[in-house]
């Protein structure tokens, strides 16, 4: 392999690691604010987490973690901000579950992370620019800065629109652009 090819691979690995470390999940890590609602009640039972996932999977269609080459891990939620996370280096999606989460919320979280997986494996700088143009935010950044929510950047908006297209959920958390009337039409053909 040439030196240029090795350098390109190393750069892509660093970008992917930075994206995973930057909290490209369904929210930035932050403690619950005082008065922001009840404290998180983590789902400590592995059996209950698996049952939660089964209920959520029934609400997700047209895409699967396995088809994208990812595996799904389940863990108890420890803080109010981080609901799920995609690690594009290890091809792992982790859902952080709490007791009493509605199945549609878990389905949305999973579909959001599947959107990140699809983005990491199929999107190019050109397709990302085209997506931002369709969303009317041409100059928006794609990746969040370290420790920040992805809801304010292209990667998070893409994942939210992907979730709208693939999950039976009323959720939409992007702060970059308005909720689209037809989410699937905003996505590249292969992502629909």
N, C-alpha and C. Protein backbone atom coordinates (compact mmCIF):
# COMPACT_ATOMS: atom_id res chain seq x y z
N UNK A 1 0.86 -1.18 0.00
CA UNK A 1 0.00 0.00 0.00
C UNK A 1 0.90 1.23 0.00
N UNK A 2 0.55 2.22 -0.79
CA UNK A 2 1.37 3.42 -0.90
C UNK A 2 1.27 4.27 0.37
N UNK A 3 2.24 5.15 0.52
CA UNK A 3 2.27 6.05 1.67
C UNK A 3 1.02 6.95 1.68
N UNK A 4 0.62 7.43 0.49
CA UNK A 4 -0.57 8.29 0.39
C UNK A 4 -1.82 7.53 0.81
N UNK A 5 -1.94 6.27 0.39
CA UNK A 5 -3.11 5.47 0.77
C UNK A 5 -3.14 5.22 2.27
N UNK A 6 -1.96 4.93 2.85
CA UNK A 6 -1.90 4.73 4.31
C UNK A 6 -2.28 6.00 5.06
N UNK A 7 -1.81 7.14 4.57
CA UNK A 7 -2.15 8.41 5.19
C UNK A 7 -3.66 8.68 5.09
N UNK A 8 -4.25 8.38 3.94
CA UNK A 8 -5.69 8.57 3.76
C UNK A 8 -6.47 7.67 4.72
N UNK A 9 -6.06 6.40 4.85
CA UNK A 9 -6.73 5.49 5.79
C UNK A 9 -6.59 5.97 7.23
N UNK A 10 -5.41 6.43 7.60
CA UNK A 10 -5.19 6.93 8.96
C UNK A 10 -6.07 8.15 9.23
N UNK A 11 -6.18 9.04 8.24
CA UNK A 11 -7.02 10.24 8.40
C UNK A 11 -8.48 9.85 8.57
N UNK A 12 -8.96 8.90 7.75
CA UNK A 12 -10.36 8.46 7.87
C UNK A 12 -10.60 7.83 9.24
N UNK A 13 -9.65 7.05 9.75
CA UNK A 13 -9.81 6.43 11.06
C UNK A 13 -9.86 7.49 12.15
N UNK A 14 -9.04 8.52 12.05
CA UNK A 14 -9.05 9.60 13.04
C UNK A 14 -10.38 10.36 13.01
N UNK A 15 -10.89 10.64 11.81
CA UNK A 15 -12.19 11.32 11.69
C UNK A 15 -13.29 10.47 12.30
N UNK A 16 -13.29 9.17 11.99
CA UNK A 16 -14.31 8.28 12.54
C UNK A 16 -14.21 8.19 14.05
N UNK A 17 -12.99 8.09 14.57
CA UNK A 17 -12.81 8.02 16.03
C UNK A 17 -13.26 9.32 16.68
N UNK A 18 -12.94 10.44 16.05
CA UNK A 18 -13.36 11.73 16.61
C UNK A 18 -14.87 11.85 16.62
N UNK A 19 -15.51 11.39 15.55
CA UNK A 19 -16.97 11.45 15.48
C UNK A 19 -17.58 10.59 16.57
N UNK A 20 -17.04 9.38 16.77
CA UNK A 20 -17.56 8.51 17.82
C UNK A 20 -17.33 9.11 19.19
N UNK A 21 -16.17 9.69 19.40
CA UNK A 21 -15.84 10.27 20.70
C UNK A 21 -16.58 11.57 20.94
N UNK A 22 -17.01 12.24 19.88
CA UNK A 22 -17.66 13.54 20.03
C UNK A 22 -19.11 13.42 20.46
N UNK A 23 -19.58 12.24 20.65
CA UNK A 23 -20.95 12.09 21.11
C UNK A 23 -21.94 12.09 19.97
N UNK A 24 -21.58 11.55 18.84
CA UNK A 24 -22.53 11.41 17.74
C UNK A 24 -23.56 10.38 18.14
N UNK A 25 -24.31 10.71 19.12
CA UNK A 25 -25.37 9.83 19.59
C UNK A 25 -26.64 10.62 19.62
N UNK A 26 -27.58 10.16 20.38
CA UNK A 26 -28.85 10.85 20.45
C UNK A 26 -28.85 11.96 21.48
N UNK A 27 -27.72 12.47 21.81
CA UNK A 27 -27.62 13.61 22.70
C UNK A 27 -26.25 13.70 23.30
N UNK A 28 -25.88 14.89 23.72
CA UNK A 28 -24.58 15.08 24.35
C UNK A 28 -24.63 14.62 25.79
N UNK A 29 -23.49 14.24 26.31
CA UNK A 29 -23.42 13.84 27.71
C UNK A 29 -23.56 15.07 28.59
N UNK A 30 -24.57 15.09 29.40
CA UNK A 30 -24.75 16.19 30.34
C UNK A 30 -25.68 15.70 31.43
N UNK A 31 -25.46 16.13 32.66
CA UNK A 31 -26.35 15.72 33.72
C UNK A 31 -27.70 16.41 33.59
N UNK A 32 -28.71 15.80 34.13
CA UNK A 32 -30.03 16.41 34.10
C UNK A 32 -30.01 17.72 34.88
N UNK A 33 -30.62 18.74 34.31
CA UNK A 33 -30.69 20.04 34.98
C UNK A 33 -31.70 19.96 36.12
N UNK A 34 -31.47 20.75 37.14
CA UNK A 34 -32.40 20.79 38.27
C UNK A 34 -33.77 21.19 37.76
N UNK A 35 -34.77 20.44 38.15
CA UNK A 35 -36.13 20.74 37.75
C UNK A 35 -36.45 20.30 36.33
N UNK A 36 -35.54 19.55 35.68
CA UNK A 36 -35.76 19.14 34.29
C UNK A 36 -36.59 17.87 34.19
N UNK A 37 -37.20 17.45 35.25
CA UNK A 37 -38.00 16.24 35.21
C UNK A 37 -37.46 15.21 36.18
N UNK A 38 -38.07 14.05 36.18
CA UNK A 38 -37.65 13.02 37.13
C UNK A 38 -36.25 12.51 36.80
N UNK A 39 -35.55 12.02 37.80
CA UNK A 39 -34.21 11.48 37.53
C UNK A 39 -34.31 10.22 36.67
N UNK A 40 -33.21 9.92 36.00
CA UNK A 40 -33.16 8.73 35.15
C UNK A 40 -33.26 7.50 36.03
N UNK A 41 -34.11 6.57 35.61
CA UNK A 41 -34.25 5.28 36.29
C UNK A 41 -33.70 4.22 35.34
N UNK A 42 -32.39 3.91 35.43
CA UNK A 42 -31.80 2.98 34.48
C UNK A 42 -32.47 1.63 34.51
N UNK A 43 -32.58 1.01 33.33
CA UNK A 43 -33.12 -0.35 33.25
C UNK A 43 -31.97 -1.30 33.57
N UNK A 44 -31.98 -1.84 34.78
CA UNK A 44 -30.88 -2.67 35.25
C UNK A 44 -31.01 -4.13 34.85
N UNK A 45 -32.20 -4.57 34.52
CA UNK A 45 -32.43 -5.96 34.16
C UNK A 45 -32.09 -6.20 32.69
N UNK A 46 -31.15 -7.12 32.43
CA UNK A 46 -30.78 -7.45 31.05
C UNK A 46 -31.99 -8.01 30.30
N UNK A 47 -32.80 -8.81 30.96
CA UNK A 47 -34.00 -9.36 30.32
C UNK A 47 -34.98 -8.27 29.93
N UNK A 48 -35.17 -7.29 30.80
CA UNK A 48 -36.08 -6.18 30.49
C UNK A 48 -35.53 -5.34 29.34
N UNK A 49 -34.20 -5.14 29.30
CA UNK A 49 -33.60 -4.39 28.18
C UNK A 49 -33.83 -5.13 26.86
N UNK A 50 -33.68 -6.45 26.87
CA UNK A 50 -33.92 -7.23 25.64
C UNK A 50 -35.39 -7.13 25.22
N UNK A 51 -36.30 -7.16 26.19
CA UNK A 51 -37.73 -7.02 25.87
C UNK A 51 -38.01 -5.62 25.31
N UNK A 52 -37.38 -4.59 25.88
CA UNK A 52 -37.52 -3.23 25.35
C UNK A 52 -37.07 -3.16 23.89
N UNK A 53 -35.94 -3.80 23.59
CA UNK A 53 -35.43 -3.80 22.23
C UNK A 53 -36.40 -4.53 21.29
N UNK A 54 -36.93 -5.65 21.70
CA UNK A 54 -37.88 -6.39 20.85
C UNK A 54 -39.09 -5.51 20.51
N UNK A 55 -39.62 -4.81 21.50
CA UNK A 55 -40.77 -3.93 21.24
C UNK A 55 -40.39 -2.81 20.27
N UNK A 56 -39.19 -2.26 20.42
CA UNK A 56 -38.75 -1.18 19.55
C UNK A 56 -38.50 -1.67 18.13
N UNK A 57 -37.90 -2.85 17.99
CA UNK A 57 -37.61 -3.39 16.66
C UNK A 57 -38.87 -3.55 15.81
N UNK A 58 -39.99 -3.82 16.47
CA UNK A 58 -41.26 -3.96 15.74
C UNK A 58 -41.69 -2.64 15.10
N UNK A 59 -41.11 -1.53 15.55
CA UNK A 59 -41.47 -0.21 15.04
C UNK A 59 -40.45 0.36 14.05
N UNK A 60 -39.40 -0.39 13.77
CA UNK A 60 -38.35 0.05 12.85
C UNK A 60 -38.44 -0.79 11.59
N UNK A 61 -38.48 -0.12 10.44
CA UNK A 61 -38.61 -0.86 9.19
C UNK A 61 -37.67 -0.38 8.10
N UNK A 62 -37.36 -1.28 7.19
CA UNK A 62 -36.58 -0.92 6.01
C UNK A 62 -35.09 -0.92 6.20
N UNK A 63 -34.61 -1.12 7.41
CA UNK A 63 -33.18 -1.09 7.68
C UNK A 63 -32.92 -1.87 8.97
N UNK A 64 -31.75 -2.49 9.04
CA UNK A 64 -31.39 -3.19 10.28
C UNK A 64 -29.91 -2.99 10.56
N UNK A 65 -29.56 -3.11 11.81
CA UNK A 65 -28.15 -3.00 12.19
C UNK A 65 -27.34 -4.08 11.49
N UNK A 66 -27.84 -5.28 11.48
CA UNK A 66 -27.12 -6.40 10.86
C UNK A 66 -26.86 -6.13 9.38
N UNK A 67 -27.86 -5.63 8.66
CA UNK A 67 -27.69 -5.35 7.23
C UNK A 67 -26.62 -4.28 7.00
N UNK A 68 -26.45 -3.38 7.96
CA UNK A 68 -25.43 -2.33 7.85
C UNK A 68 -24.08 -2.79 8.40
N UNK A 69 -24.03 -4.00 8.94
CA UNK A 69 -22.77 -4.51 9.48
C UNK A 69 -22.49 -4.05 10.90
N UNK A 70 -23.53 -3.67 11.62
CA UNK A 70 -23.39 -3.20 13.01
C UNK A 70 -24.05 -4.20 13.96
N UNK A 71 -23.62 -4.17 15.19
CA UNK A 71 -24.29 -4.95 16.23
C UNK A 71 -24.85 -3.96 17.25
N UNK A 72 -25.92 -4.38 17.91
CA UNK A 72 -26.58 -3.53 18.91
C UNK A 72 -26.27 -4.08 20.29
N UNK A 73 -25.80 -3.21 21.16
CA UNK A 73 -25.58 -3.56 22.56
C UNK A 73 -26.56 -2.75 23.40
N UNK A 74 -26.93 -3.32 24.53
CA UNK A 74 -27.88 -2.67 25.44
C UNK A 74 -27.19 -2.41 26.77
N UNK A 75 -27.45 -1.24 27.34
CA UNK A 75 -26.85 -0.88 28.62
C UNK A 75 -27.84 -0.01 29.39
N UNK A 76 -27.72 0.02 30.72
CA UNK A 76 -28.59 0.92 31.50
C UNK A 76 -28.20 2.37 31.22
N UNK A 77 -29.20 3.25 31.12
CA UNK A 77 -28.93 4.68 30.95
C UNK A 77 -28.44 5.25 32.27
N UNK A 78 -27.38 6.02 32.21
CA UNK A 78 -26.78 6.59 33.42
C UNK A 78 -27.02 8.08 33.57
N UNK A 79 -27.34 8.77 32.47
CA UNK A 79 -27.63 10.20 32.59
C UNK A 79 -28.76 10.57 31.64
N UNK A 80 -29.29 11.75 31.83
CA UNK A 80 -30.46 12.16 31.05
C UNK A 80 -30.12 12.51 29.61
N UNK A 81 -28.87 12.84 29.33
CA UNK A 81 -28.53 13.33 28.00
C UNK A 81 -28.21 12.27 26.97
N UNK A 82 -27.58 11.20 27.35
CA UNK A 82 -27.11 10.22 26.37
C UNK A 82 -28.05 9.03 26.31
N UNK A 83 -28.78 8.91 25.20
CA UNK A 83 -29.75 7.83 25.02
C UNK A 83 -29.18 6.71 24.17
N UNK A 84 -28.25 7.03 23.27
CA UNK A 84 -27.68 6.02 22.38
C UNK A 84 -26.40 6.57 21.77
N UNK A 85 -25.59 5.66 21.22
CA UNK A 85 -24.30 6.06 20.67
C UNK A 85 -23.88 5.07 19.60
N UNK A 86 -23.32 5.58 18.52
CA UNK A 86 -22.80 4.73 17.46
C UNK A 86 -21.29 4.86 17.45
N UNK A 87 -20.62 3.72 17.47
CA UNK A 87 -19.17 3.68 17.33
C UNK A 87 -18.88 3.14 15.94
N UNK A 88 -18.46 4.03 15.04
CA UNK A 88 -18.24 3.64 13.65
C UNK A 88 -16.94 2.86 13.46
N UNK A 89 -16.08 2.85 14.46
CA UNK A 89 -14.84 2.08 14.37
C UNK A 89 -15.11 0.61 14.67
N UNK A 90 -15.85 0.34 15.74
CA UNK A 90 -16.16 -1.05 16.13
C UNK A 90 -17.47 -1.55 15.54
N UNK A 91 -18.18 -0.67 14.82
CA UNK A 91 -19.49 -1.00 14.23
C UNK A 91 -20.47 -1.48 15.30
N UNK A 92 -20.56 -0.68 16.36
CA UNK A 92 -21.43 -1.00 17.49
C UNK A 92 -22.38 0.16 17.74
N UNK A 93 -23.64 -0.16 17.92
CA UNK A 93 -24.65 0.80 18.37
C UNK A 93 -25.02 0.40 19.78
N UNK A 94 -24.89 1.33 20.71
CA UNK A 94 -25.27 1.07 22.10
C UNK A 94 -26.51 1.88 22.42
N UNK A 95 -27.55 1.19 22.88
CA UNK A 95 -28.76 1.84 23.36
C UNK A 95 -28.70 1.85 24.88
N UNK A 96 -28.82 3.03 25.46
CA UNK A 96 -28.83 3.19 26.92
C UNK A 96 -30.29 3.30 27.34
N UNK A 97 -30.79 2.27 28.01
CA UNK A 97 -32.22 2.18 28.29
C UNK A 97 -32.56 2.52 29.73
N UNK A 98 -33.72 3.15 29.89
CA UNK A 98 -34.25 3.48 31.20
C UNK A 98 -35.61 2.82 31.35
N UNK A 99 -35.99 2.58 32.58
CA UNK A 99 -37.32 2.01 32.83
C UNK A 99 -38.37 3.00 32.36
N UNK A 100 -39.46 2.48 31.87
CA UNK A 100 -40.61 3.27 31.45
C UNK A 100 -40.38 4.07 30.16
N UNK A 101 -39.32 3.79 29.41
CA UNK A 101 -39.18 4.41 28.10
C UNK A 101 -40.27 3.85 27.18
N UNK A 102 -40.90 4.70 26.44
CA UNK A 102 -41.90 4.25 25.47
C UNK A 102 -41.19 3.53 24.32
N UNK A 103 -41.79 2.46 23.80
CA UNK A 103 -41.16 1.72 22.69
C UNK A 103 -40.84 2.61 21.49
N UNK A 104 -41.71 3.59 21.20
CA UNK A 104 -41.42 4.45 20.05
C UNK A 104 -40.17 5.29 20.27
N UNK A 105 -39.87 5.65 21.51
CA UNK A 105 -38.65 6.42 21.79
C UNK A 105 -37.41 5.57 21.56
N UNK A 106 -37.45 4.34 22.03
CA UNK A 106 -36.33 3.43 21.82
C UNK A 106 -36.17 3.15 20.32
N UNK A 107 -37.29 2.97 19.61
CA UNK A 107 -37.23 2.76 18.16
C UNK A 107 -36.61 3.96 17.48
N UNK A 108 -36.99 5.16 17.91
CA UNK A 108 -36.43 6.37 17.32
C UNK A 108 -34.93 6.44 17.59
N UNK A 109 -34.52 6.16 18.83
CA UNK A 109 -33.10 6.19 19.18
C UNK A 109 -32.31 5.22 18.31
N UNK A 110 -32.83 4.01 18.14
CA UNK A 110 -32.16 3.01 17.32
C UNK A 110 -32.09 3.47 15.86
N UNK A 111 -33.19 3.96 15.31
CA UNK A 111 -33.20 4.41 13.92
C UNK A 111 -32.26 5.60 13.73
N UNK A 112 -32.18 6.50 14.71
CA UNK A 112 -31.25 7.63 14.66
C UNK A 112 -29.82 7.09 14.52
N UNK A 113 -29.47 6.13 15.35
CA UNK A 113 -28.11 5.56 15.32
C UNK A 113 -27.87 4.79 14.03
N UNK A 114 -28.89 4.13 13.50
CA UNK A 114 -28.76 3.47 12.20
C UNK A 114 -28.49 4.51 11.11
N UNK A 115 -29.07 5.70 11.27
CA UNK A 115 -28.77 6.80 10.35
C UNK A 115 -27.31 7.19 10.41
N UNK A 116 -26.74 7.25 11.62
CA UNK A 116 -25.30 7.54 11.73
C UNK A 116 -24.48 6.44 11.07
N UNK A 117 -24.89 5.18 11.25
CA UNK A 117 -24.17 4.06 10.64
C UNK A 117 -24.23 4.17 9.12
N UNK A 118 -25.41 4.46 8.58
CA UNK A 118 -25.56 4.59 7.14
C UNK A 118 -24.70 5.74 6.64
N UNK A 119 -24.73 6.86 7.34
CA UNK A 119 -23.92 8.03 6.99
C UNK A 119 -22.44 7.65 6.94
N UNK A 120 -21.95 7.00 7.98
CA UNK A 120 -20.52 6.67 8.06
C UNK A 120 -20.08 5.75 6.93
N UNK A 121 -20.94 4.84 6.54
CA UNK A 121 -20.56 3.84 5.54
C UNK A 121 -20.89 4.23 4.11
N UNK A 122 -21.85 5.11 3.89
CA UNK A 122 -22.31 5.37 2.53
C UNK A 122 -22.19 6.82 2.07
N UNK A 123 -22.16 7.76 2.99
CA UNK A 123 -22.15 9.16 2.58
C UNK A 123 -20.73 9.60 2.22
N UNK A 124 -20.66 10.57 1.33
CA UNK A 124 -19.41 11.19 0.92
C UNK A 124 -19.52 12.68 1.21
N UNK A 125 -18.42 13.42 1.15
CA UNK A 125 -18.56 14.87 1.33
C UNK A 125 -19.56 15.48 0.35
N UNK A 126 -19.58 15.00 -0.89
CA UNK A 126 -20.53 15.54 -1.88
C UNK A 126 -21.97 15.21 -1.51
N UNK A 127 -22.23 13.98 -1.08
CA UNK A 127 -23.62 13.62 -0.73
C UNK A 127 -24.06 14.33 0.55
N UNK A 128 -23.13 14.62 1.44
CA UNK A 128 -23.47 15.39 2.63
C UNK A 128 -23.82 16.83 2.26
N UNK A 129 -23.05 17.42 1.35
CA UNK A 129 -23.37 18.78 0.90
C UNK A 129 -24.73 18.81 0.21
N UNK A 130 -25.02 17.80 -0.60
CA UNK A 130 -26.32 17.73 -1.30
C UNK A 130 -27.46 17.60 -0.29
N UNK A 131 -27.26 16.80 0.74
CA UNK A 131 -28.29 16.65 1.77
C UNK A 131 -28.53 17.99 2.46
N UNK A 132 -27.47 18.67 2.87
CA UNK A 132 -27.62 19.97 3.54
C UNK A 132 -28.35 20.96 2.64
N UNK A 133 -28.07 20.93 1.34
CA UNK A 133 -28.76 21.82 0.41
C UNK A 133 -30.25 21.50 0.36
N UNK A 134 -30.60 20.20 0.31
CA UNK A 134 -32.04 19.82 0.31
C UNK A 134 -32.72 20.29 1.58
N UNK A 135 -31.99 20.32 2.69
CA UNK A 135 -32.56 20.74 3.98
C UNK A 135 -32.54 22.26 4.13
N UNK A 136 -31.93 22.99 3.17
CA UNK A 136 -31.92 24.45 3.21
C UNK A 136 -30.90 25.03 4.18
N UNK A 137 -29.86 24.26 4.50
CA UNK A 137 -28.83 24.73 5.44
C UNK A 137 -27.45 24.45 4.85
N UNK A 138 -27.20 25.00 3.67
CA UNK A 138 -25.97 24.72 2.92
C UNK A 138 -24.69 24.92 3.72
N UNK A 139 -24.64 25.90 4.56
CA UNK A 139 -23.39 26.24 5.26
C UNK A 139 -23.24 25.57 6.63
N UNK A 140 -24.15 24.70 6.95
CA UNK A 140 -24.10 24.03 8.27
C UNK A 140 -22.90 23.09 8.34
N UNK A 141 -22.37 22.96 9.54
CA UNK A 141 -21.30 21.99 9.80
C UNK A 141 -21.92 20.60 9.80
N UNK A 142 -21.13 19.58 9.44
CA UNK A 142 -21.64 18.21 9.46
C UNK A 142 -21.43 17.56 10.81
N UNK A 143 -20.26 17.71 11.39
CA UNK A 143 -19.91 17.01 12.64
C UNK A 143 -20.00 17.94 13.84
N UNK A 144 -20.43 17.41 14.99
CA UNK A 144 -20.44 18.23 16.22
C UNK A 144 -19.02 18.37 16.77
N UNK A 145 -18.82 19.41 17.55
CA UNK A 145 -17.54 19.55 18.25
C UNK A 145 -17.59 18.66 19.48
N UNK A 146 -16.46 18.38 20.03
CA UNK A 146 -16.32 17.45 21.16
C UNK A 146 -17.28 17.78 22.30
N UNK A 147 -18.03 16.75 22.72
CA UNK A 147 -18.92 16.88 23.85
C UNK A 147 -20.23 17.60 23.57
N UNK A 148 -20.47 18.00 22.34
CA UNK A 148 -21.69 18.74 22.00
C UNK A 148 -22.72 17.82 21.37
N UNK A 149 -23.95 18.22 21.45
CA UNK A 149 -25.05 17.47 20.86
C UNK A 149 -24.94 17.47 19.34
N UNK A 150 -25.40 16.40 18.74
CA UNK A 150 -25.40 16.36 17.28
C UNK A 150 -26.68 16.95 16.69
N UNK A 151 -27.60 17.40 17.50
CA UNK A 151 -28.86 17.94 17.00
C UNK A 151 -28.71 19.28 16.29
N UNK A 152 -27.54 19.93 16.43
CA UNK A 152 -27.31 21.24 15.83
C UNK A 152 -26.50 21.18 14.54
N UNK A 153 -26.15 19.99 14.09
CA UNK A 153 -25.28 19.85 12.91
C UNK A 153 -25.88 18.86 11.91
N UNK A 154 -25.27 18.81 10.74
CA UNK A 154 -25.78 17.96 9.67
C UNK A 154 -25.88 16.50 10.02
N UNK A 155 -24.88 15.93 10.69
CA UNK A 155 -24.90 14.50 11.02
C UNK A 155 -26.11 14.15 11.88
N UNK A 156 -26.42 14.99 12.85
CA UNK A 156 -27.57 14.73 13.71
C UNK A 156 -28.89 14.95 13.00
N UNK A 157 -28.94 15.99 12.16
CA UNK A 157 -30.17 16.22 11.40
C UNK A 157 -30.42 15.06 10.45
N UNK A 158 -29.37 14.59 9.78
CA UNK A 158 -29.51 13.44 8.89
C UNK A 158 -30.03 12.23 9.67
N UNK A 159 -29.45 11.98 10.85
CA UNK A 159 -29.88 10.83 11.65
C UNK A 159 -31.32 10.99 12.11
N UNK A 160 -31.74 12.20 12.44
CA UNK A 160 -33.13 12.43 12.84
C UNK A 160 -34.09 12.23 11.68
N UNK A 161 -33.73 12.71 10.49
CA UNK A 161 -34.58 12.53 9.32
C UNK A 161 -34.62 11.04 8.94
N UNK A 162 -33.48 10.36 9.04
CA UNK A 162 -33.42 8.93 8.79
C UNK A 162 -34.36 8.21 9.75
N UNK A 163 -34.35 8.62 11.03
CA UNK A 163 -35.24 8.00 12.03
C UNK A 163 -36.70 8.25 11.69
N UNK A 164 -37.04 9.46 11.24
CA UNK A 164 -38.42 9.74 10.84
C UNK A 164 -38.86 8.82 9.70
N UNK A 165 -37.95 8.55 8.79
CA UNK A 165 -38.27 7.72 7.64
C UNK A 165 -38.45 6.25 8.03
N UNK A 166 -37.69 5.78 9.03
CA UNK A 166 -37.63 4.34 9.31
C UNK A 166 -38.27 3.89 10.62
N UNK A 167 -38.69 4.80 11.46
CA UNK A 167 -39.27 4.39 12.75
C UNK A 167 -40.66 4.98 12.93
N UNK A 168 -41.55 4.19 13.48
CA UNK A 168 -42.90 4.66 13.80
C UNK A 168 -42.80 5.43 15.12
N UNK A 169 -42.47 6.71 15.00
CA UNK A 169 -42.27 7.55 16.18
C UNK A 169 -42.59 9.00 15.85
N UNK A 170 -43.23 9.72 16.76
CA UNK A 170 -43.50 11.13 16.53
C UNK A 170 -42.29 12.03 16.86
N UNK A 171 -41.21 11.46 17.39
CA UNK A 171 -40.05 12.23 17.83
C UNK A 171 -39.37 12.93 16.65
N UNK A 172 -38.84 14.12 16.89
CA UNK A 172 -37.93 14.80 15.98
C UNK A 172 -37.16 15.80 16.81
N UNK A 173 -35.85 15.59 16.95
CA UNK A 173 -35.05 16.38 17.89
C UNK A 173 -34.07 17.33 17.23
N UNK A 174 -33.97 17.31 15.92
CA UNK A 174 -33.01 18.19 15.25
C UNK A 174 -33.33 19.64 15.55
N UNK A 175 -32.28 20.43 15.76
CA UNK A 175 -32.43 21.87 15.92
C UNK A 175 -31.82 22.61 14.73
N UNK A 176 -31.37 21.85 13.73
CA UNK A 176 -30.72 22.45 12.57
C UNK A 176 -31.73 22.97 11.56
N UNK A 177 -32.77 22.20 11.34
CA UNK A 177 -33.80 22.55 10.35
C UNK A 177 -35.14 22.00 10.81
N UNK A 178 -36.21 22.52 10.20
CA UNK A 178 -37.56 22.09 10.57
C UNK A 178 -37.79 20.62 10.22
N UNK A 179 -38.73 20.03 10.91
CA UNK A 179 -39.17 18.67 10.61
C UNK A 179 -39.70 18.63 9.18
N UNK A 180 -39.17 17.74 8.34
CA UNK A 180 -39.65 17.70 6.96
C UNK A 180 -41.02 17.05 6.86
N UNK A 181 -41.80 17.50 5.91
CA UNK A 181 -43.13 16.91 5.69
C UNK A 181 -43.01 15.47 5.21
N UNK A 182 -42.01 15.20 4.36
CA UNK A 182 -41.78 13.85 3.85
C UNK A 182 -40.31 13.51 4.09
N UNK A 183 -40.02 12.89 5.22
CA UNK A 183 -38.65 12.61 5.62
C UNK A 183 -37.91 11.77 4.60
N UNK A 184 -38.54 10.73 4.11
CA UNK A 184 -37.84 9.81 3.19
C UNK A 184 -37.38 10.52 1.92
N UNK A 185 -38.13 11.53 1.46
CA UNK A 185 -37.75 12.24 0.24
C UNK A 185 -36.49 13.09 0.44
N UNK A 186 -36.13 13.40 1.67
CA UNK A 186 -34.94 14.19 1.96
C UNK A 186 -33.67 13.33 1.89
N UNK A 187 -33.81 12.04 2.02
CA UNK A 187 -32.66 11.14 2.10
C UNK A 187 -32.17 10.71 0.72
N UNK A 188 -30.87 10.39 0.62
CA UNK A 188 -30.38 9.80 -0.64
C UNK A 188 -31.15 8.51 -0.93
N UNK A 189 -31.26 8.14 -2.19
CA UNK A 189 -32.07 6.98 -2.57
C UNK A 189 -31.75 5.72 -1.77
N UNK A 190 -30.51 5.39 -1.57
CA UNK A 190 -30.16 4.16 -0.85
C UNK A 190 -30.53 4.17 0.61
N UNK A 191 -30.79 5.35 1.17
CA UNK A 191 -31.11 5.47 2.60
C UNK A 191 -32.61 5.41 2.86
N UNK A 192 -33.43 5.38 1.83
CA UNK A 192 -34.88 5.42 1.98
C UNK A 192 -35.44 4.07 2.33
